[in-house]
Amino acid sequence: MRPNRPKISDVARVAGVSTATVSRVLSNPDLVSSDTREAVQEAIRTTGYRLNLAARNLRHQRTGSIVALVPNLANPFFSEILSGIAAVLGEAGYNLLVADTCRTSAQALIDYAEPGRADGLIALDGRLPAEELKGKVPVVVACEWIPGLAAPRVKIDNRAAAGLAIDHLVALGHRRIGHVSGPRGNVLTEARIAGTQDALAAQGLLLAPADLHIGDFSLGSGREAAVTWLAQPAATRPTAMFFASDPMACGFIGEVQRHGLKVPEDVSVVGFDDIELVAHMSPPLTTIRQPRHDIGRLAAERLLARLKGETAMDDTVLPVDLVVRGSTAAPRQPA
């Protein structure tokens, strides 16, 4: 016969407290003194008690799940963000479900916002329809932002971050700098283009129309930008390129190297995000580092606060760093 499963009353007896106190420790630990909390937690370990999450969720009319809406799970940028989200939600007793907005039908994505499907949403895609997300489950937006949606946002200052990249290249002596952006209509694309133009203008320079390439954050679009760059006369093409994502920068470097050119001797390259791979490339990539784990952690914390009744809708803007590595240098002087 299987032994009887420990009950909450067993925990209360071992800890020397009431069952109501044990319940408070499990559901609202901040309401209980630290000594009582430690006594209850020790009793839980001693008895082997396990909380029946399904029953608790049913009593509280919740699902116990949070959904993260992510554009393109194949993009390695999101791994650290999801790790940060999962760490916070796991400690709070929530399961993290992840939906790829590029591969899930519009109706299925909207359904996640309906009560009973999830307790809350963390949206990492700025293309989601604001009207469909309003007034349903609590929502927090991270990385991108959704115009027209009143929700807490955790992000960086993308315009200022682009400025860091441009200022670095100008300080090295570059005067013709190209930019490879994300897709049109994406909020990050517009912010990073604007930041690039602002920083160049502050130095008395311009982003020439021929030097702005519209990409899609992928390796492939970086390679395509390299093909365009290589087709320009060597004397007039940009001596430095700033990319709105690291994968695009990697695609560009690979293609120009296949044509016998060198980075940074023939062209300097700056990426954006600081995904794990880029520190191990040849050359290692200079890039803008986003605090991805912190973005995920803070987004989850903001959502948990909303689930507890917090109504603040303010933005959390996190700092970025320029990480200088081997892909940037002063432009080569004409022979």
C-alpha atoms as a PDB file:
ATOM      1  CA  MET A   1       0.000   0.000   0.000  1.00  0.00           C
ATOM      2  CA  ARG A   2       1.124   3.552  -0.754  1.00  0.00           C
ATOM      3  CA  PRO A   3       1.746   5.674   2.358  1.00  0.00           C
ATOM      4  CA  ASN A   4      -0.713   8.459   3.043  1.00  0.00           C
ATOM      5  CA  ARG A   5       0.228  11.697   1.346  1.00  0.00           C
ATOM      6  CA  PRO A   6       1.230  14.411   3.865  1.00  0.00           C
ATOM      7  CA  LYS A   7      -1.511  16.972   4.455  1.00  0.00           C
ATOM      8  CA  ILE A   8      -1.409  20.639   5.342  1.00  0.00           C
ATOM      9  CA  SER A   9      -2.549  19.672   8.853  1.00  0.00           C
ATOM     10  CA  ASP A  10       0.620  17.570   9.224  1.00  0.00           C
ATOM     11  CA  VAL A  11       2.732  20.589   8.346  1.00  0.00           C
ATOM     12  CA  ALA A  12       0.824  22.745  10.844  1.00  0.00           C
ATOM     13  CA  ARG A  13       1.307  20.158  13.603  1.00  0.00           C
ATOM     14  CA  VAL A  14       5.072  19.846  13.028  1.00  0.00           C
ATOM     15  CA  ALA A  15       5.513  23.635  12.780  1.00  0.00           C
ATOM     16  CA  GLY A  16       3.329  24.303  15.807  1.00  0.00           C
ATOM     17  CA  VAL A  17       1.026  26.705  13.948  1.00  0.00           C
ATOM     18  CA  SER A  18      -2.509  26.684  12.567  1.00  0.00           C
ATOM     19  CA  THR A  19      -3.407  25.412   9.111  1.00  0.00           C
ATOM     20  CA  ALA A  20      -4.436  28.990   8.237  1.00  0.00           C
ATOM     21  CA  THR A  21      -0.884  30.155   8.972  1.00  0.00           C
ATOM     22  CA  VAL A  22       0.553  27.449   6.734  1.00  0.00           C
ATOM     23  CA  SER A  23      -1.806  28.586   3.961  1.00  0.00           C
ATOM     24  CA  ARG A  24      -0.631  32.175   4.383  1.00  0.00           C
ATOM     25  CA  VAL A  25       3.015  31.107   4.139  1.00  0.00           C
ATOM     26  CA  LEU A  26       2.241  29.285   0.901  1.00  0.00           C
ATOM     27  CA  SER A  27       0.106  31.984  -0.721  1.00  0.00           C
ATOM     28  CA  ASN A  28       1.209  35.299   0.856  1.00  0.00           C
ATOM     29  CA  PRO A  29       4.555  34.764   2.635  1.00  0.00           C
ATOM     30  CA  ASP A  30       5.118  38.508   3.093  1.00  0.00           C
ATOM     31  CA  LEU A  31       2.219  38.574   5.574  1.00  0.00           C
ATOM     32  CA  VAL A  32       4.002  36.156   7.928  1.00  0.00           C
ATOM     33  CA  SER A  33       6.997  36.818  10.189  1.00  0.00           C
ATOM     34  CA  SER A  34      10.320  35.414   9.057  1.00  0.00           C
ATOM     35  CA  ASP A  35      10.563  33.067  12.084  1.00  0.00           C
ATOM     36  CA  THR A  36       7.127  31.576  11.398  1.00  0.00           C
ATOM     37  CA  ARG A  37       7.878  31.336   7.701  1.00  0.00           C
ATOM     38  CA  GLU A  38      11.106  29.426   8.356  1.00  0.00           C
ATOM     39  CA  ALA A  39       9.343  27.084  10.797  1.00  0.00           C
ATOM     40  CA  VAL A  40       6.674  26.266   8.233  1.00  0.00           C
ATOM     41  CA  GLN A  41       9.210  25.761   5.444  1.00  0.00           C
ATOM     42  CA  GLU A  42      11.222  23.408   7.664  1.00  0.00           C
ATOM     43  CA  ALA A  43       8.049  21.479   8.475  1.00  0.00           C
ATOM     44  CA  ILE A  44       7.282  21.184   4.753  1.00  0.00           C
ATOM     45  CA  ARG A  45      10.726  19.668   4.197  1.00  0.00           C
ATOM     46  CA  THR A  46      10.336  17.320   7.176  1.00  0.00           C
ATOM     47  CA  THR A  47       6.911  16.019   6.203  1.00  0.00           C
ATOM     48  CA  GLY A  48       7.521  15.962   2.449  1.00  0.00           C
ATOM     49  CA  TYR A  49       4.337  17.957   1.876  1.00  0.00           C
ATOM     50  CA  ARG A  50       3.651  19.053  -1.687  1.00  0.00           C
ATOM     51  CA  LEU A  51       1.163  21.732  -2.609  1.00  0.00           C
ATOM     52  CA  ASN A  52      -1.600  20.558  -4.946  1.00  0.00           C
ATOM     53  CA  LEU A  53      -1.263  23.342  -7.487  1.00  0.00           C
ATOM     54  CA  ALA A  54      -4.166  22.166  -9.626  1.00  0.00           C
ATOM     55  CA  ALA A  55      -6.541  22.265  -6.675  1.00  0.00           C
ATOM     56  CA  ARG A  56      -5.282  25.656  -5.535  1.00  0.00           C
ATOM     57  CA  ASN A  57      -5.642  27.107  -9.022  1.00  0.00           C
ATOM     58  CA  LEU A  58      -9.180  25.763  -9.255  1.00  0.00           C
ATOM     59  CA  ARG A  59     -10.118  27.341  -5.906  1.00  0.00           C
ATOM     60  CA  HIS A  60      -8.679  30.683  -6.962  1.00  0.00           C
ATOM     61  CA  GLN A  61     -10.197  30.438 -10.476  1.00  0.00           C
ATOM     62  CA  ARG A  62      -6.877  30.701 -12.239  1.00  0.00           C
ATOM     63  CA  THR A  63      -4.912  28.528 -14.661  1.00  0.00           C
ATOM     64  CA  GLY A  64      -1.458  28.745 -13.085  1.00  0.00           C
ATOM     65  CA  SER A  65       0.039  29.568 -16.490  1.00  0.00           C
ATOM     66  CA  ILE A  66       1.551  32.668 -18.097  1.00  0.00           C
ATOM     67  CA  VAL A  67       1.970  32.900 -21.866  1.00  0.00           C
ATOM     68  CA  ALA A  68       4.933  34.647 -23.509  1.00  0.00           C
ATOM     69  CA  LEU A  69       4.171  35.785 -27.071  1.00  0.00           C
ATOM     70  CA  VAL A  70       7.476  35.709 -28.958  1.00  0.00           C
ATOM     71  CA  PRO A  71       8.173  36.717 -32.582  1.00  0.00           C
ATOM     72  CA  ASN A  72      10.249  33.914 -34.105  1.00  0.00           C
ATOM     73  CA  LEU A  73      11.504  31.435 -31.529  1.00  0.00           C
ATOM     74  CA  ALA A  74      14.371  30.560 -33.870  1.00  0.00           C
ATOM     75  CA  ASN A  75      15.964  33.922 -33.027  1.00  0.00           C
ATOM     76  CA  PRO A  76      18.576  33.270 -30.291  1.00  0.00           C
ATOM     77  CA  PHE A  77      18.000  36.760 -28.886  1.00  0.00           C
ATOM     78  CA  PHE A  78      14.969  35.559 -26.928  1.00  0.00           C
ATOM     79  CA  SER A  79      16.600  32.674 -25.038  1.00  0.00           C
ATOM     80  CA  GLU A  80      17.971  34.753 -22.151  1.00  0.00           C
ATOM     81  CA  ILE A  81      14.754  36.779 -21.888  1.00  0.00           C
ATOM     82  CA  LEU A  82      12.687  33.613 -21.581  1.00  0.00           C
ATOM     83  CA  SER A  83      15.160  32.264 -19.027  1.00  0.00           C
ATOM     84  CA  GLY A  84      14.669  35.381 -16.889  1.00  0.00           C
ATOM     85  CA  ILE A  85      10.885  35.114 -17.173  1.00  0.00           C
ATOM     86  CA  ALA A  86      10.868  31.423 -16.291  1.00  0.00           C
ATOM     87  CA  ALA A  87      13.080  31.899 -13.228  1.00  0.00           C
ATOM     88  CA  VAL A  88      10.700  34.435 -11.665  1.00  0.00           C
ATOM     89  CA  LEU A  89       7.479  32.669 -12.602  1.00  0.00           C
ATOM     90  CA  GLY A  90       8.766  29.297 -11.397  1.00  0.00           C
ATOM     91  CA  GLU A  91       9.497  30.676  -7.942  1.00  0.00           C
ATOM     92  CA  ALA A  92       5.967  32.119  -7.846  1.00  0.00           C
ATOM     93  CA  GLY A  93       4.376  28.783  -8.782  1.00  0.00           C
ATOM     94  CA  TYR A  94       3.456  29.626 -12.368  1.00  0.00           C
ATOM     95  CA  ASN A  95       4.109  27.655 -15.529  1.00  0.00           C
ATOM     96  CA  LEU A  96       5.521  29.487 -18.550  1.00  0.00           C
ATOM     97  CA  LEU A  97       3.997  28.695 -21.938  1.00  0.00           C
ATOM     98  CA  VAL A  98       5.574  30.123 -25.090  1.00  0.00           C
ATOM     99  CA  ALA A  99       3.799  30.887 -28.370  1.00  0.00           C
ATOM    100  CA  ASP A 100       5.599  31.860 -31.573  1.00  0.00           C
ATOM    101  CA  THR A 101       3.664  34.752 -33.082  1.00  0.00           C
ATOM    102  CA  CYS A 102       5.181  34.060 -36.505  1.00  0.00           C
ATOM    103  CA  ARG A 103       3.871  30.505 -36.588  1.00  0.00           C
ATOM    104  CA  THR A 104       0.588  30.723 -34.679  1.00  0.00           C
ATOM    105  CA  SER A 105      -2.684  31.857 -36.217  1.00  0.00           C
ATOM    106  CA  ALA A 106      -3.950  35.335 -35.330  1.00  0.00           C
ATOM    107  CA  GLN A 107      -7.080  33.893 -33.727  1.00  0.00           C
ATOM    108  CA  ALA A 108      -5.093  31.460 -31.591  1.00  0.00           C
ATOM    109  CA  LEU A 109      -2.930  34.319 -30.327  1.00  0.00           C
ATOM    110  CA  ILE A 110      -6.001  36.397 -29.478  1.00  0.00           C
ATOM    111  CA  ASP A 111      -7.502  33.429 -27.634  1.00  0.00           C
ATOM    112  CA  TYR A 112      -4.584  33.456 -25.189  1.00  0.00           C
ATOM    113  CA  ALA A 113      -5.857  36.808 -23.911  1.00  0.00           C
ATOM    114  CA  GLU A 114      -9.204  35.298 -22.927  1.00  0.00           C
ATOM    115  CA  PRO A 115      -9.720  34.584 -19.205  1.00  0.00           C
ATOM    116  CA  GLY A 116      -9.414  30.879 -18.520  1.00  0.00           C
ATOM    117  CA  ARG A 117      -6.654  30.302 -21.089  1.00  0.00           C
ATOM    118  CA  ALA A 118      -3.876  32.007 -19.116  1.00  0.00           C
ATOM    119  CA  ASP A 119      -3.564  34.239 -16.067  1.00  0.00           C
ATOM    120  CA  GLY A 120      -1.468  36.823 -17.896  1.00  0.00           C
ATOM    121  CA  LEU A 121       0.553  37.589 -20.997  1.00  0.00           C
ATOM    122  CA  ILE A 122       4.076  38.843 -21.599  1.00  0.00           C
ATOM    123  CA  ALA A 123       4.158  40.239 -25.131  1.00  0.00           C
ATOM    124  CA  LEU A 124       7.507  40.522 -26.900  1.00  0.00           C
ATOM    125  CA  ASP A 125       5.970  41.359 -30.290  1.00  0.00           C
ATOM    126  CA  GLY A 126       4.988  44.941 -31.094  1.00  0.00           C
ATOM    127  CA  ARG A 127       2.784  43.865 -34.012  1.00  0.00           C
ATOM    128  CA  LEU A 128       0.079  42.342 -31.812  1.00  0.00           C
ATOM    129  CA  PRO A 129      -3.333  44.072 -32.047  1.00  0.00           C
ATOM    130  CA  ALA A 130      -3.838  46.396 -29.089  1.00  0.00           C
ATOM    131  CA  GLU A 131      -7.634  46.250 -29.258  1.00  0.00           C
ATOM    132  CA  GLU A 132      -7.669  42.477 -28.859  1.00  0.00           C
ATOM    133  CA  LEU A 133      -5.522  42.637 -25.716  1.00  0.00           C
ATOM    134  CA  LYS A 134      -7.391  45.368 -23.865  1.00  0.00           C
ATOM    135  CA  GLY A 135      -9.518  44.635 -20.812  1.00  0.00           C
ATOM    136  CA  LYS A 136      -8.835  40.916 -20.661  1.00  0.00           C
ATOM    137  CA  VAL A 137      -6.001  39.254 -18.735  1.00  0.00           C
ATOM    138  CA  PRO A 138      -3.121  41.402 -17.391  1.00  0.00           C
ATOM    139  CA  VAL A 139      -0.455  42.159 -19.994  1.00  0.00           C
ATOM    140  CA  VAL A 140       3.147  43.342 -19.751  1.00  0.00           C
ATOM    141  CA  VAL A 141       5.099  44.279 -22.879  1.00  0.00           C
ATOM    142  CA  ALA A 142       8.844  43.636 -23.101  1.00  0.00           C
ATOM    143  CA  CYS A 143      11.521  44.680 -25.626  1.00  0.00           C
ATOM    144  CA  GLU A 144       9.072  46.040 -28.164  1.00  0.00           C
ATOM    145  CA  TRP A 145       5.932  48.072 -27.503  1.00  0.00           C
ATOM    146  CA  ILE A 146       2.378  47.949 -28.827  1.00  0.00           C
ATOM    147  CA  PRO A 147       0.991  51.338 -29.916  1.00  0.00           C
ATOM    148  CA  GLY A 148      -2.368  52.032 -28.314  1.00  0.00           C
ATOM    149  CA  LEU A 149      -2.025  49.470 -25.518  1.00  0.00           C
ATOM    150  CA  ALA A 150      -1.882  50.784 -21.949  1.00  0.00           C
ATOM    151  CA  ALA A 151       0.386  48.241 -20.273  1.00  0.00           C
ATOM    152  CA  PRO A 152       3.641  48.292 -18.287  1.00  0.00           C
ATOM    153  CA  ARG A 153       6.659  48.109 -20.585  1.00  0.00           C
ATOM    154  CA  VAL A 154      10.175  46.829 -19.945  1.00  0.00           C
ATOM    155  CA  LYS A 155      12.598  47.954 -22.628  1.00  0.00           C
ATOM    156  CA  ILE A 156      15.762  49.800 -23.549  1.00  0.00           C
ATOM    157  CA  ASP A 157      16.167  53.206 -25.190  1.00  0.00           C
ATOM    158  CA  ASN A 158      16.691  51.991 -28.751  1.00  0.00           C
ATOM    159  CA  ARG A 159      17.398  55.433 -30.191  1.00  0.00           C
ATOM    160  CA  ALA A 160      20.113  56.099 -27.632  1.00  0.00           C
ATOM    161  CA  ALA A 161      21.540  52.603 -28.126  1.00  0.00           C
ATOM    162  CA  ALA A 162      21.887  53.196 -31.870  1.00  0.00           C
ATOM    163  CA  GLY A 163      23.625  56.454 -31.030  1.00  0.00           C
ATOM    164  CA  LEU A 164      26.242  54.586 -29.008  1.00  0.00           C
ATOM    165  CA  ALA A 165      27.121  52.484 -32.038  1.00  0.00           C
ATOM    166  CA  ILE A 166      27.344  55.461 -34.391  1.00  0.00           C
ATOM    167  CA  ASP A 167      29.373  57.565 -31.950  1.00  0.00           C
ATOM    168  CA  HIS A 168      31.882  54.720 -31.622  1.00  0.00           C
ATOM    169  CA  LEU A 169      32.321  54.458 -35.385  1.00  0.00           C
ATOM    170  CA  VAL A 170      32.629  58.207 -35.854  1.00  0.00           C
ATOM    171  CA  ALA A 171      35.213  58.385 -33.061  1.00  0.00           C
ATOM    172  CA  LEU A 172      37.273  55.819 -34.991  1.00  0.00           C
ATOM    173  CA  GLY A 173      37.264  58.133 -38.003  1.00  0.00           C
ATOM    174  CA  HIS A 174      34.454  56.718 -40.162  1.00  0.00           C
ATOM    175  CA  ARG A 175      32.449  59.283 -42.114  1.00  0.00           C
ATOM    176  CA  ARG A 176      30.314  57.147 -44.410  1.00  0.00           C
ATOM    177  CA  ILE A 177      28.380  54.699 -42.267  1.00  0.00           C
ATOM    178  CA  GLY A 178      25.661  52.356 -43.483  1.00  0.00           C
ATOM    179  CA  HIS A 179      22.790  50.861 -41.521  1.00  0.00           C
ATOM    180  CA  VAL A 180      20.946  47.558 -41.950  1.00  0.00           C
ATOM    181  CA  SER A 181      17.616  47.753 -40.157  1.00  0.00           C
ATOM    182  CA  GLY A 182      14.859  45.369 -39.230  1.00  0.00           C
ATOM    183  CA  PRO A 183      11.647  45.116 -41.265  1.00  0.00           C
ATOM    184  CA  ARG A 184       9.502  48.154 -41.995  1.00  0.00           C
ATOM    185  CA  GLY A 185       6.613  48.611 -39.583  1.00  0.00           C
ATOM    186  CA  ASN A 186       8.549  47.181 -36.655  1.00  0.00           C
ATOM    187  CA  VAL A 187       8.834  49.599 -33.716  1.00  0.00           C
ATOM    188  CA  LEU A 188      12.467  48.633 -33.088  1.00  0.00           C
ATOM    189  CA  THR A 189      13.304  49.270 -36.735  1.00  0.00           C
ATOM    190  CA  GLU A 190      11.942  52.796 -36.670  1.00  0.00           C
ATOM    191  CA  ALA A 191      13.589  53.656 -33.339  1.00  0.00           C
ATOM    192  CA  ARG A 192      17.023  52.374 -34.399  1.00  0.00           C
ATOM    193  CA  ILE A 193      16.891  54.118 -37.781  1.00  0.00           C
ATOM    194  CA  ALA A 194      15.945  57.363 -36.019  1.00  0.00           C
ATOM    195  CA  GLY A 195      18.767  56.905 -33.508  1.00  0.00           C
ATOM    196  CA  THR A 196      21.238  56.291 -36.331  1.00  0.00           C
ATOM    197  CA  GLN A 197      20.115  59.400 -38.199  1.00  0.00           C
ATOM    198  CA  ASP A 198      20.159  61.539 -35.042  1.00  0.00           C
ATOM    199  CA  ALA A 199      23.681  60.490 -34.094  1.00  0.00           C
ATOM    200  CA  LEU A 200      25.021  61.057 -37.608  1.00  0.00           C
ATOM    201  CA  ALA A 201      23.331  64.459 -37.831  1.00  0.00           C
ATOM    202  CA  ALA A 202      24.908  65.463 -34.504  1.00  0.00           C
ATOM    203  CA  GLN A 203      28.290  64.869 -36.167  1.00  0.00           C
ATOM    204  CA  GLY A 204      27.349  66.767 -39.334  1.00  0.00           C
ATOM    205  CA  LEU A 205      26.879  63.509 -41.289  1.00  0.00           C
ATOM    206  CA  LEU A 206      23.970  61.922 -43.139  1.00  0.00           C
ATOM    207  CA  LEU A 207      22.636  58.403 -43.651  1.00  0.00           C
ATOM    208  CA  ALA A 208      22.562  58.261 -47.447  1.00  0.00           C
ATOM    209  CA  PRO A 209      19.477  56.508 -48.878  1.00  0.00           C
ATOM    210  CA  ALA A 210      21.754  54.058 -50.711  1.00  0.00           C
ATOM    211  CA  ASP A 211      23.369  53.122 -47.380  1.00  0.00           C
ATOM    212  CA  LEU A 212      20.119  52.172 -45.610  1.00  0.00           C
ATOM    213  CA  HIS A 213      19.244  48.533 -46.194  1.00  0.00           C
ATOM    214  CA  ILE A 214      15.953  47.050 -44.962  1.00  0.00           C
ATOM    215  CA  GLY A 215      16.525  43.633 -43.427  1.00  0.00           C
ATOM    216  CA  ASP A 216      14.547  41.293 -41.186  1.00  0.00           C
ATOM    217  CA  PHE A 217      16.971  40.612 -38.285  1.00  0.00           C
ATOM    218  CA  SER A 218      18.113  37.323 -39.907  1.00  0.00           C
ATOM    219  CA  LEU A 219      21.453  35.953 -41.100  1.00  0.00           C
ATOM    220  CA  GLY A 220      20.093  35.881 -44.634  1.00  0.00           C
ATOM    221  CA  SER A 221      19.262  39.563 -44.755  1.00  0.00           C
ATOM    222  CA  GLY A 222      22.756  40.367 -43.485  1.00  0.00           C
ATOM    223  CA  ARG A 223      24.209  38.333 -46.341  1.00  0.00           C
ATOM    224  CA  GLU A 224      21.971  40.188 -48.813  1.00  0.00           C
ATOM    225  CA  ALA A 225      23.193  43.518 -47.436  1.00  0.00           C
ATOM    226  CA  ALA A 226      26.759  42.336 -48.035  1.00  0.00           C
ATOM    227  CA  VAL A 227      25.956  41.503 -51.664  1.00  0.00           C
ATOM    228  CA  THR A 228      24.624  45.043 -52.123  1.00  0.00           C
ATOM    229  CA  TRP A 229      27.632  46.558 -50.334  1.00  0.00           C
ATOM    230  CA  LEU A 230      30.082  44.535 -52.430  1.00  0.00           C
ATOM    231  CA  ALA A 231      28.398  45.745 -55.638  1.00  0.00           C
ATOM    232  CA  GLN A 232      29.152  49.370 -54.784  1.00  0.00           C
ATOM    233  CA  PRO A 233      32.416  50.936 -56.014  1.00  0.00           C
ATOM    234  CA  ALA A 234      35.089  50.391 -53.370  1.00  0.00           C
ATOM    235  CA  ALA A 235      35.890  54.096 -53.269  1.00  0.00           C
ATOM    236  CA  THR A 236      32.327  55.152 -52.402  1.00  0.00           C
ATOM    237  CA  ARG A 237      30.832  52.375 -50.291  1.00  0.00           C
ATOM    238  CA  PRO A 238      30.531  52.806 -46.492  1.00  0.00           C
ATOM    239  CA  THR A 239      33.650  52.039 -44.476  1.00  0.00           C
ATOM    240  CA  ALA A 240      31.506  50.939 -41.529  1.00  0.00           C
ATOM    241  CA  MET A 241      28.144  49.197 -41.127  1.00  0.00           C
ATOM    242  CA  PHE A 242      25.798  49.225 -38.144  1.00  0.00           C
ATOM    243  CA  PHE A 243      23.296  46.364 -37.921  1.00  0.00           C
ATOM    244  CA  ALA A 244      20.026  46.284 -35.963  1.00  0.00           C
ATOM    245  CA  SER A 245      20.719  42.691 -34.890  1.00  0.00           C
ATOM    246  CA  ASP A 246      23.713  40.432 -34.340  1.00  0.00           C
ATOM    247  CA  PRO A 247      22.576  37.693 -36.773  1.00  0.00           C
ATOM    248  CA  MET A 248      22.474  40.241 -39.620  1.00  0.00           C
ATOM    249  CA  ALA A 249      25.984  41.400 -38.713  1.00  0.00           C
ATOM    250  CA  CYS A 250      27.171  37.778 -38.728  1.00  0.00           C
ATOM    251  CA  GLY A 251      25.625  37.153 -42.153  1.00  0.00           C
ATOM    252  CA  PHE A 252      27.324  40.262 -43.531  1.00  0.00           C
ATOM    253  CA  ILE A 253      30.753  39.344 -42.162  1.00  0.00           C
ATOM    254  CA  GLY A 254      30.563  35.807 -43.525  1.00  0.00           C
ATOM    255  CA  GLU A 255      29.704  37.015 -47.022  1.00  0.00           C
ATOM    256  CA  VAL A 256      32.396  39.710 -47.264  1.00  0.00           C
ATOM    257  CA  GLN A 257      34.988  37.240 -45.948  1.00  0.00           C
ATOM    258  CA  ARG A 258      33.990  34.747 -48.643  1.00  0.00           C
ATOM    259  CA  HIS A 259      34.875  37.441 -51.183  1.00  0.00           C
ATOM    260  CA  GLY A 260      38.379  37.804 -49.745  1.00  0.00           C
ATOM    261  CA  LEU A 261      37.809  40.996 -47.751  1.00  0.00           C
ATOM    262  CA  LYS A 262      38.668  41.460 -44.105  1.00  0.00           C
ATOM    263  CA  VAL A 263      36.808  42.823 -41.085  1.00  0.00           C
ATOM    264  CA  PRO A 264      37.688  45.369 -39.748  1.00  0.00           C
ATOM    265  CA  GLU A 265      40.481  46.203 -42.231  1.00  0.00           C
ATOM    266  CA  ASP A 266      38.100  46.660 -45.184  1.00  0.00           C
ATOM    267  CA  VAL A 267      34.898  47.439 -43.298  1.00  0.00           C
ATOM    268  CA  SER A 268      34.034  47.855 -39.617  1.00  0.00           C
ATOM    269  CA  VAL A 269      30.915  46.124 -38.310  1.00  0.00           C
ATOM    270  CA  VAL A 270      28.740  46.768 -35.232  1.00  0.00           C
ATOM    271  CA  GLY A 271      25.839  44.529 -34.220  1.00  0.00           C
ATOM    272  CA  PHE A 272      23.026  44.793 -31.717  1.00  0.00           C
ATOM    273  CA  ASP A 273      21.979  42.492 -28.798  1.00  0.00           C
ATOM    274  CA  ASP A 274      25.200  40.643 -27.822  1.00  0.00           C
ATOM    275  CA  ILE A 275      23.941  37.104 -28.287  1.00  0.00           C
ATOM    276  CA  GLU A 276      26.315  34.419 -27.008  1.00  0.00           C
ATOM    277  CA  LEU A 277      27.780  33.444 -30.384  1.00  0.00           C
ATOM    278  CA  VAL A 278      29.275  36.800 -31.350  1.00  0.00           C
ATOM    279  CA  ALA A 279      32.075  36.873 -28.777  1.00  0.00           C
ATOM    280  CA  HIS A 280      33.483  33.696 -30.386  1.00  0.00           C
ATOM    281  CA  MET A 281      33.442  34.786 -34.032  1.00  0.00           C
ATOM    282  CA  SER A 282      36.488  35.730 -36.050  1.00  0.00           C
ATOM    283  CA  PRO A 283      36.750  38.582 -35.487  1.00  0.00           C
ATOM    284  CA  PRO A 284      34.682  38.888 -32.294  1.00  0.00           C
ATOM    285  CA  LEU A 285      31.791  41.269 -32.909  1.00  0.00           C
ATOM    286  CA  THR A 286      31.537  44.779 -31.497  1.00  0.00           C
ATOM    287  CA  THR A 287      27.899  45.140 -30.474  1.00  0.00           C
ATOM    288  CA  ILE A 288      25.292  46.758 -28.266  1.00  0.00           C
ATOM    289  CA  ARG A 289      24.631  44.561 -25.231  1.00  0.00           C
ATOM    290  CA  GLN A 290      21.038  44.355 -24.060  1.00  0.00           C
ATOM    291  CA  PRO A 291      20.442  43.094 -20.480  1.00  0.00           C
ATOM    292  CA  ARG A 292      18.263  40.284 -21.776  1.00  0.00           C
ATOM    293  CA  HIS A 293      17.949  38.242 -18.589  1.00  0.00           C
ATOM    294  CA  ASP A 294      17.023  41.367 -16.631  1.00  0.00           C
ATOM    295  CA  ILE A 295      14.413  42.306 -19.250  1.00  0.00           C
ATOM    296  CA  GLY A 296      12.746  38.931 -18.767  1.00  0.00           C
ATOM    297  CA  ARG A 297      13.053  38.994 -14.987  1.00  0.00           C
ATOM    298  CA  LEU A 298      11.586  42.475 -14.628  1.00  0.00           C
ATOM    299  CA  ALA A 299       8.781  41.747 -17.106  1.00  0.00           C
ATOM    300  CA  ALA A 300       7.754  38.733 -15.038  1.00  0.00           C
ATOM    301  CA  GLU A 301       7.961  40.721 -11.795  1.00  0.00           C
ATOM    302  CA  ARG A 302       5.794  43.483 -13.266  1.00  0.00           C
ATOM    303  CA  LEU A 303       3.222  40.924 -14.385  1.00  0.00           C
ATOM    304  CA  LEU A 304       3.111  39.267 -10.960  1.00  0.00           C
ATOM    305  CA  ALA A 305       2.544  42.707  -9.444  1.00  0.00           C
ATOM    306  CA  ARG A 306      -0.357  43.277 -11.828  1.00  0.00           C
ATOM    307  CA  LEU A 307      -1.841  39.919 -10.865  1.00  0.00           C
ATOM    308  CA  LYS A 308      -1.785  41.122  -7.259  1.00  0.00           C
ATOM    309  CA  GLY A 309      -3.711  44.271  -8.182  1.00  0.00           C
ATOM    310  CA  GLU A 310      -1.019  46.827  -9.004  1.00  0.00           C
ATOM    311  CA  THR A 311      -2.280  49.301 -11.592  1.00  0.00           C
ATOM    312  CA  ALA A 312       0.892  51.276 -12.439  1.00  0.00           C
ATOM    313  CA  MET A 313       1.489  51.512 -16.186  1.00  0.00           C
ATOM    314  CA  ASP A 314       4.903  53.189 -16.193  1.00  0.00           C
ATOM    315  CA  ASP A 315       7.861  52.111 -18.330  1.00  0.00           C
ATOM    316  CA  THR A 316      11.005  50.433 -17.049  1.00  0.00           C
ATOM    317  CA  VAL A 317      13.931  51.503 -19.239  1.00  0.00           C
ATOM    318  CA  LEU A 318      17.129  49.510 -18.756  1.00  0.00           C
ATOM    319  CA  PRO A 319      20.653  50.672 -19.692  1.00  0.00           C
ATOM    320  CA  VAL A 320      22.686  49.120 -22.509  1.00  0.00           C
ATOM    321  CA  ASP A 321      26.448  48.838 -23.053  1.00  0.00           C
ATOM    322  CA  LEU A 322      28.657  49.161 -26.089  1.00  0.00           C
ATOM    323  CA  VAL A 323      30.909  46.084 -26.111  1.00  0.00           C
ATOM    324  CA  VAL A 324      33.992  46.842 -28.202  1.00  0.00           C
ATOM    325  CA  ARG A 325      35.631  43.802 -29.758  1.00  0.00           C
ATOM    326  CA  GLY A 326      37.652  43.074 -32.863  1.00  0.00           C
ATOM    327  CA  SER A 327      35.205  43.934 -35.666  1.00  0.00           C
ATOM    328  CA  THR A 328      35.757  47.712 -35.545  1.00  0.00           C
ATOM    329  CA  ALA A 329      38.834  49.801 -36.249  1.00  0.00           C
ATOM    330  CA  ALA A 330      39.851  53.058 -37.905  1.00  0.00           C
ATOM    331  CA  PRO A 331      39.150  53.144 -41.651  1.00  0.00           C
ATOM    332  CA  ARG A 332      41.962  52.105 -43.954  1.00  0.00           C
ATOM    333  CA  GLN A 333      43.684  55.082 -45.491  1.00  0.00           C
ATOM    334  CA  PRO A 334      43.742  55.260 -49.306  1.00  0.00           C
ATOM    335  CA  ALA A 335      47.025  54.134 -50.862  1.00  0.00           C
END
